[in-house]
Each structure stands twice: as C-alpha cells, then as structure tokens.
PDB file of all heavy atoms in Angstrom:
ATOM      1  N   TRP A   1      -9.554   8.024  -7.221  1.00  0.00           N
ATOM      2  CA  TRP A   1      -9.770   9.057  -6.081  1.00  0.00           C
ATOM      3  C   TRP A   1      -8.492   8.952  -5.092  1.00  0.00           C
ATOM      4  O   TRP A   1      -8.178  10.014  -4.620  1.00  0.00           O
ATOM      5  CB  TRP A   1     -11.034   8.578  -5.492  1.00  0.00           C
ATOM      6  CG  TRP A   1     -11.251   9.219  -4.079  1.00  0.00           C
ATOM      7  CD1 TRP A   1     -11.829  10.456  -3.813  1.00  0.00           C
ATOM      8  CD2 TRP A   1     -10.992   8.638  -2.883  1.00  0.00           C
ATOM      9  NE1 TRP A   1     -11.938  10.693  -2.433  1.00  0.00           N
ATOM     10  CE2 TRP A   1     -11.383   9.593  -1.885  1.00  0.00           C
ATOM     11  CE3 TRP A   1     -10.498   7.470  -2.353  1.00  0.00           C
ATOM     12  CZ2 TRP A   1     -11.267   9.308  -0.436  1.00  0.00           C
ATOM     13  CZ3 TRP A   1     -10.319   7.243  -1.027  1.00  0.00           C
ATOM     14  CH2 TRP A   1     -10.620   8.239  -0.059  1.00  0.00           C
ATOM     15  N   ALA A   2      -8.026   7.727  -4.835  1.00  0.00           N
ATOM     16  CA  ALA A   2      -7.001   7.593  -3.880  1.00  0.00           C
ATOM     17  C   ALA A   2      -5.590   8.370  -4.342  1.00  0.00           C
ATOM     18  O   ALA A   2      -4.871   8.941  -3.638  1.00  0.00           O
ATOM     19  CB  ALA A   2      -6.683   6.174  -3.562  1.00  0.00           C
ATOM     20  N   VAL A   3      -5.489   8.270  -5.700  1.00  0.00           N
ATOM     21  CA  VAL A   3      -4.351   9.028  -6.363  1.00  0.00           C
ATOM     22  C   VAL A   3      -4.416  10.482  -6.025  1.00  0.00           C
ATOM     23  O   VAL A   3      -3.501  11.154  -5.752  1.00  0.00           O
ATOM     24  CB  VAL A   3      -4.106   8.704  -7.836  1.00  0.00           C
ATOM     25  CG1 VAL A   3      -3.307   9.675  -8.458  1.00  0.00           C
ATOM     26  CG2 VAL A   3      -3.730   7.280  -8.050  1.00  0.00           C
ATOM     27  N   ARG A   4      -5.619  11.086  -6.248  1.00  0.00           N
ATOM     28  CA  ARG A   4      -5.839  12.485  -6.101  1.00  0.00           C
ATOM     29  C   ARG A   4      -5.609  12.828  -4.506  1.00  0.00           C
ATOM     30  O   ARG A   4      -5.243  13.966  -4.290  1.00  0.00           O
ATOM     31  CB  ARG A   4      -7.248  12.918  -6.595  1.00  0.00           C
ATOM     32  CG  ARG A   4      -7.430  12.855  -8.066  1.00  0.00           C
ATOM     33  CD  ARG A   4      -8.646  13.604  -8.444  1.00  0.00           C
ATOM     34  NE  ARG A   4      -9.791  12.848  -8.020  1.00  0.00           N
ATOM     35  CZ  ARG A   4     -10.530  12.012  -8.513  1.00  0.00           C
ATOM     36  NH1 ARG A   4     -10.174  11.469  -9.731  1.00  0.00           N
ATOM     37  NH2 ARG A   4     -11.655  11.380  -8.175  1.00  0.00           N
ATOM     38  N   LEU A   5      -6.045  11.952  -3.614  1.00  0.00           N
ATOM     39  CA  LEU A   5      -5.977  12.253  -2.166  1.00  0.00           C
ATOM     40  C   LEU A   5      -4.644  12.179  -1.684  1.00  0.00           C
ATOM     41  O   LEU A   5      -4.270  13.136  -0.943  1.00  0.00           O
ATOM     42  CB  LEU A   5      -6.922  11.262  -1.502  1.00  0.00           C
ATOM     43  CG  LEU A   5      -7.099  11.280  -0.002  1.00  0.00           C
ATOM     44  CD1 LEU A   5      -7.860  12.646   0.251  1.00  0.00           C
ATOM     45  CD2 LEU A   5      -7.738  10.059   0.672  1.00  0.00           C
ATOM     46  N   VAL A   6      -3.895  11.226  -2.013  1.00  0.00           N
ATOM     47  CA  VAL A   6      -2.474  10.990  -1.317  1.00  0.00           C
ATOM     48  C   VAL A   6      -1.323  11.114  -2.280  1.00  0.00           C
ATOM     49  O   VAL A   6      -0.311  11.156  -1.863  1.00  0.00           O
ATOM     50  CB  VAL A   6      -2.424   9.678  -0.361  1.00  0.00           C
ATOM     51  CG1 VAL A   6      -3.569   9.598   0.552  1.00  0.00           C
ATOM     52  CG2 VAL A   6      -2.488   8.506  -1.364  1.00  0.00           C
ATOM     53  N   GLY A   7      -1.699  11.112  -3.576  1.00  0.00           N
ATOM     54  CA  GLY A   7      -0.454  11.028  -4.497  1.00  0.00           C
ATOM     55  C   GLY A   7      -0.140   9.666  -5.037  1.00  0.00           C
ATOM     56  O   GLY A   7      -0.301   8.773  -4.237  1.00  0.00           O
ATOM     57  N   ALA A   8       0.251   9.598  -6.317  1.00  0.00           N
ATOM     58  CA  ALA A   8       0.551   8.219  -6.772  1.00  0.00           C
ATOM     59  C   ALA A   8       1.720   7.522  -6.039  1.00  0.00           C
ATOM     60  O   ALA A   8       1.553   6.347  -5.690  1.00  0.00           O
ATOM     61  CB  ALA A   8       0.887   8.431  -8.302  1.00  0.00           C
ATOM     62  N   ARG A   9       2.857   8.195  -5.851  1.00  0.00           N
ATOM     63  CA  ARG A   9       4.003   7.558  -5.146  1.00  0.00           C
ATOM     64  C   ARG A   9       3.675   7.097  -3.768  1.00  0.00           C
ATOM     65  O   ARG A   9       3.827   5.936  -3.414  1.00  0.00           O
ATOM     66  CB  ARG A   9       5.123   8.416  -5.145  1.00  0.00           C
ATOM     67  CG  ARG A   9       6.398   7.864  -4.603  1.00  0.00           C
ATOM     68  CD  ARG A   9       7.375   8.984  -4.017  1.00  0.00           C
ATOM     69  NE  ARG A   9       7.627  10.041  -5.015  1.00  0.00           N
ATOM     70  CZ  ARG A   9       8.510   9.988  -5.826  1.00  0.00           C
ATOM     71  NH1 ARG A   9       9.298   8.949  -5.998  1.00  0.00           N
ATOM     72  NH2 ARG A   9       8.693  11.042  -6.657  1.00  0.00           N
ATOM     73  N   ASN A  10       2.871   7.867  -3.012  1.00  0.00           N
ATOM     74  CA  ASN A  10       2.664   7.592  -1.619  1.00  0.00           C
ATOM     75  C   ASN A  10       1.649   6.425  -1.631  1.00  0.00           C
ATOM     76  O   ASN A  10       1.731   5.431  -0.782  1.00  0.00           O
ATOM     77  CB  ASN A  10       2.087   8.741  -0.722  1.00  0.00           C
ATOM     78  CG  ASN A  10       2.943   9.835  -0.630  1.00  0.00           C
ATOM     79  OD1 ASN A  10       4.224   9.605  -0.598  1.00  0.00           O
ATOM     80  ND2 ASN A  10       2.582  11.065  -0.328  1.00  0.00           N
ATOM     81  N   LEU A  11       0.743   6.447  -2.574  1.00  0.00           N
ATOM     82  CA  LEU A  11      -0.358   5.275  -2.624  1.00  0.00           C
ATOM     83  C   LEU A  11       0.474   3.924  -2.934  1.00  0.00           C
ATOM     84  O   LEU A  11       0.187   2.997  -2.355  1.00  0.00           O
ATOM     85  CB  LEU A  11      -1.271   5.601  -3.560  1.00  0.00           C
ATOM     86  CG  LEU A  11      -2.403   4.464  -3.851  1.00  0.00           C
ATOM     87  CD1 LEU A  11      -3.189   4.319  -2.549  1.00  0.00           C
ATOM     88  CD2 LEU A  11      -3.376   4.903  -4.949  1.00  0.00           C
ATOM     89  N   ALA A  12       1.384   3.959  -3.959  1.00  0.00           N
ATOM     90  CA  ALA A  12       2.149   2.703  -4.353  1.00  0.00           C
ATOM     91  C   ALA A  12       3.041   2.311  -3.147  1.00  0.00           C
ATOM     92  O   ALA A  12       2.983   1.043  -2.894  1.00  0.00           O
ATOM     93  CB  ALA A  12       2.851   3.027  -5.615  1.00  0.00           C
ATOM     94  N   VAL A  13       3.704   3.166  -2.444  1.00  0.00           N
ATOM     95  CA  VAL A  13       4.591   2.784  -1.391  1.00  0.00           C
ATOM     96  C   VAL A  13       3.735   2.207  -0.290  1.00  0.00           C
ATOM     97  O   VAL A  13       4.141   1.105   0.332  1.00  0.00           O
ATOM     98  CB  VAL A  13       5.411   3.890  -0.948  1.00  0.00           C
ATOM     99  CG1 VAL A  13       6.185   3.519   0.311  1.00  0.00           C
ATOM    100  CG2 VAL A  13       6.496   4.367  -2.036  1.00  0.00           C
ATOM    101  N   GLY A  14       2.745   2.754   0.044  1.00  0.00           N
ATOM    102  CA  GLY A  14       1.865   2.249   1.106  1.00  0.00           C
ATOM    103  C   GLY A  14       1.266   0.978   0.845  1.00  0.00           C
ATOM    104  O   GLY A  14       1.159   0.064   1.819  1.00  0.00           O
ATOM    105  N   CYS A  15       0.814   0.659  -0.386  1.00  0.00           N
ATOM    106  CA  CYS A  15       0.111  -0.507  -0.764  1.00  0.00           C
ATOM    107  C   CYS A  15       1.248  -1.704  -0.839  1.00  0.00           C
ATOM    108  O   CYS A  15       0.901  -2.770  -0.420  1.00  0.00           O
ATOM    109  CB  CYS A  15      -0.483  -0.393  -2.108  1.00  0.00           C
ATOM    110  SG  CYS A  15      -2.085   0.607  -2.019  1.00  0.00           S
ATOM    111  N   SER A  16       2.480  -1.324  -1.084  1.00  0.00           N
ATOM    112  CA  SER A  16       3.512  -2.451  -1.078  1.00  0.00           C
ATOM    113  C   SER A  16       3.745  -2.858   0.338  1.00  0.00           C
ATOM    114  O   SER A  16       3.958  -4.056   0.613  1.00  0.00           O
ATOM    115  CB  SER A  16       4.772  -1.805  -1.727  1.00  0.00           C
ATOM    116  OG  SER A  16       4.716  -1.542  -3.184  1.00  0.00           O
ATOM    117  N   ILE A  17       3.827  -1.929   1.169  1.00  0.00           N
ATOM    118  CA  ILE A  17       4.028  -2.255   2.648  1.00  0.00           C
ATOM    119  C   ILE A  17       2.804  -3.104   3.212  1.00  0.00           C
ATOM    120  O   ILE A  17       2.987  -4.111   3.956  1.00  0.00           O
ATOM    121  CB  ILE A  17       4.267  -0.994   3.523  1.00  0.00           C
ATOM    122  CG1 ILE A  17       5.460  -0.290   3.092  1.00  0.00           C
ATOM    123  CG2 ILE A  17       4.247  -1.399   4.937  1.00  0.00           C
ATOM    124  CD1 ILE A  17       5.774   0.997   3.744  1.00  0.00           C
ATOM    125  N   ALA A  18       1.552  -2.577   2.835  1.00  0.00           N
ATOM    126  CA  ALA A  18       0.471  -3.356   3.378  1.00  0.00           C
ATOM    127  C   ALA A  18       0.392  -4.759   2.632  1.00  0.00           C
ATOM    128  O   ALA A  18       0.023  -5.806   3.464  1.00  0.00           O
ATOM    129  CB  ALA A  18      -0.926  -2.583   2.723  1.00  0.00           C
ATOM    130  N   ALA A  19       0.806  -4.982   1.541  1.00  0.00           N
ATOM    131  CA  ALA A  19       0.810  -6.418   0.912  1.00  0.00           C
ATOM    132  C   ALA A  19       1.894  -7.230   1.691  1.00  0.00           C
ATOM    133  O   ALA A  19       1.627  -8.369   2.007  1.00  0.00           O
ATOM    134  CB  ALA A  19       1.273  -6.389  -0.541  1.00  0.00           C
ATOM    135  N   ALA A  20       3.048  -6.683   2.165  1.00  0.00           N
ATOM    136  CA  ALA A  20       3.996  -7.517   2.821  1.00  0.00           C
ATOM    137  C   ALA A  20       3.422  -7.868   4.294  1.00  0.00           C
ATOM    138  O   ALA A  20       3.600  -8.891   4.644  1.00  0.00           O
ATOM    139  CB  ALA A  20       5.221  -6.529   2.966  1.00  0.00           C
ATOM    140  N   ILE A  21       2.482  -6.921   4.876  1.00  0.00           N
ATOM    141  CA  ILE A  21       1.979  -7.346   6.287  1.00  0.00           C
ATOM    142  C   ILE A  21       0.873  -8.500   5.919  1.00  0.00           C
ATOM    143  O   ILE A  21       0.821  -9.287   6.744  1.00  0.00           O
ATOM    144  CB  ILE A  21       1.258  -6.017   6.732  1.00  0.00           C
ATOM    145  CG1 ILE A  21       2.282  -4.996   7.087  1.00  0.00           C
ATOM    146  CG2 ILE A  21       0.396  -6.475   7.953  1.00  0.00           C
ATOM    147  CD1 ILE A  21       1.700  -3.611   7.553  1.00  0.00           C
ATOM    148  N   CYS A  22       0.066  -8.415   4.792  1.00  0.00           N
ATOM    149  CA  CYS A  22      -0.702  -9.460   4.506  1.00  0.00           C
ATOM    150  C   CYS A  22      -0.058 -10.799   4.445  1.00  0.00           C
ATOM    151  O   CYS A  22      -0.650 -11.891   4.957  1.00  0.00           O
ATOM    152  CB  CYS A  22      -1.499  -9.122   3.336  1.00  0.00           C
ATOM    153  SG  CYS A  22      -2.744  -7.840   3.427  1.00  0.00           S
ATOM    154  N   PHE A  23       1.110 -10.834   3.685  1.00  0.00           N
ATOM    155  CA  PHE A  23       1.797 -12.097   3.599  1.00  0.00           C
ATOM    156  C   PHE A  23       2.497 -12.605   5.006  1.00  0.00           C
ATOM    157  O   PHE A  23       2.416 -13.847   5.268  1.00  0.00           O
ATOM    158  CB  PHE A  23       2.922 -11.952   2.537  1.00  0.00           C
ATOM    159  CG  PHE A  23       2.419 -12.348   1.207  1.00  0.00           C
ATOM    160  CD1 PHE A  23       1.882 -11.455   0.402  1.00  0.00           C
ATOM    161  CD2 PHE A  23       2.700 -13.586   0.739  1.00  0.00           C
ATOM    162  CE1 PHE A  23       1.575 -11.681  -0.840  1.00  0.00           C
ATOM    163  CE2 PHE A  23       2.312 -13.961  -0.586  1.00  0.00           C
ATOM    164  CZ  PHE A  23       1.722 -13.007  -1.368  1.00  0.00           C
ATOM    165  N   LEU A  24       2.668 -11.502   5.830  1.00  0.00           N
ATOM    166  CA  LEU A  24       3.225 -11.986   7.178  1.00  0.00           C
ATOM    167  C   LEU A  24       1.961 -12.598   7.935  1.00  0.00           C
ATOM    168  O   LEU A  24       2.308 -13.727   8.637  1.00  0.00           O
ATOM    169  CB  LEU A  24       3.778 -10.709   7.889  1.00  0.00           C
ATOM    170  CG  LEU A  24       4.133 -10.845   9.171  1.00  0.00           C
ATOM    171  CD1 LEU A  24       5.238 -11.749   9.391  1.00  0.00           C
ATOM    172  CD2 LEU A  24       4.308  -9.508   9.958  1.00  0.00           C
ATOM    173  N   LEU A  25       0.873 -12.150   7.783  1.00  0.00           N
ATOM    174  CA  LEU A  25      -0.270 -12.630   8.537  1.00  0.00           C
ATOM    175  C   LEU A  25      -0.698 -14.104   7.896  1.00  0.00           C
ATOM    176  O   LEU A  25      -1.048 -14.957   8.667  1.00  0.00           O
ATOM    177  CB  LEU A  25      -1.513 -11.685   8.500  1.00  0.00           C
ATOM    178  CG  LEU A  25      -1.383 -10.485   9.200  1.00  0.00           C
ATOM    179  CD1 LEU A  25      -2.417  -9.499   8.921  1.00  0.00           C
ATOM    180  CD2 LEU A  25      -1.206 -10.688  10.725  1.00  0.00           C
ATOM    181  N   ILE A  26      -0.630 -14.232   6.639  1.00  0.00           N
ATOM    182  CA  ILE A  26      -0.834 -15.561   6.021  1.00  0.00           C
ATOM    183  C   ILE A  26       0.165 -16.491   6.520  1.00  0.00           C
ATOM    184  O   ILE A  26      -0.301 -17.753   6.921  1.00  0.00           O
ATOM    185  CB  ILE A  26      -0.960 -15.411   4.477  1.00  0.00           C
ATOM    186  CG1 ILE A  26      -2.008 -14.586   4.067  1.00  0.00           C
ATOM    187  CG2 ILE A  26      -0.738 -16.859   3.852  1.00  0.00           C
ATOM    188  CD1 ILE A  26      -1.961 -14.310   2.443  1.00  0.00           C
ATOM    189  N   GLY A  27       1.329 -16.256   6.653  1.00  0.00           N
ATOM    190  CA  GLY A  27       2.278 -17.229   7.159  1.00  0.00           C
ATOM    191  C   GLY A  27       2.117 -17.533   8.476  1.00  0.00           C
ATOM    192  O   GLY A  27       2.426 -18.748   9.026  1.00  0.00           O
TER     193      GLY A  27
END
C-alpha cells in the first residue's frame, strides 16, 4: 500500500533517513 501511495524510491529513501534518526535517539 505504501509503495502505491508514495512510490518505491521515495519510500526507501524516507525509511533510510528514519532508521538513521532511530539510531541517533538510541545513542
């Protein structure tokens, strides 16, 4: 559903950035 909504590339890029933020918060 998310792929159809925002597109595969935008979803992958956004998720990579979100993962970086999660690691920042963990540290």
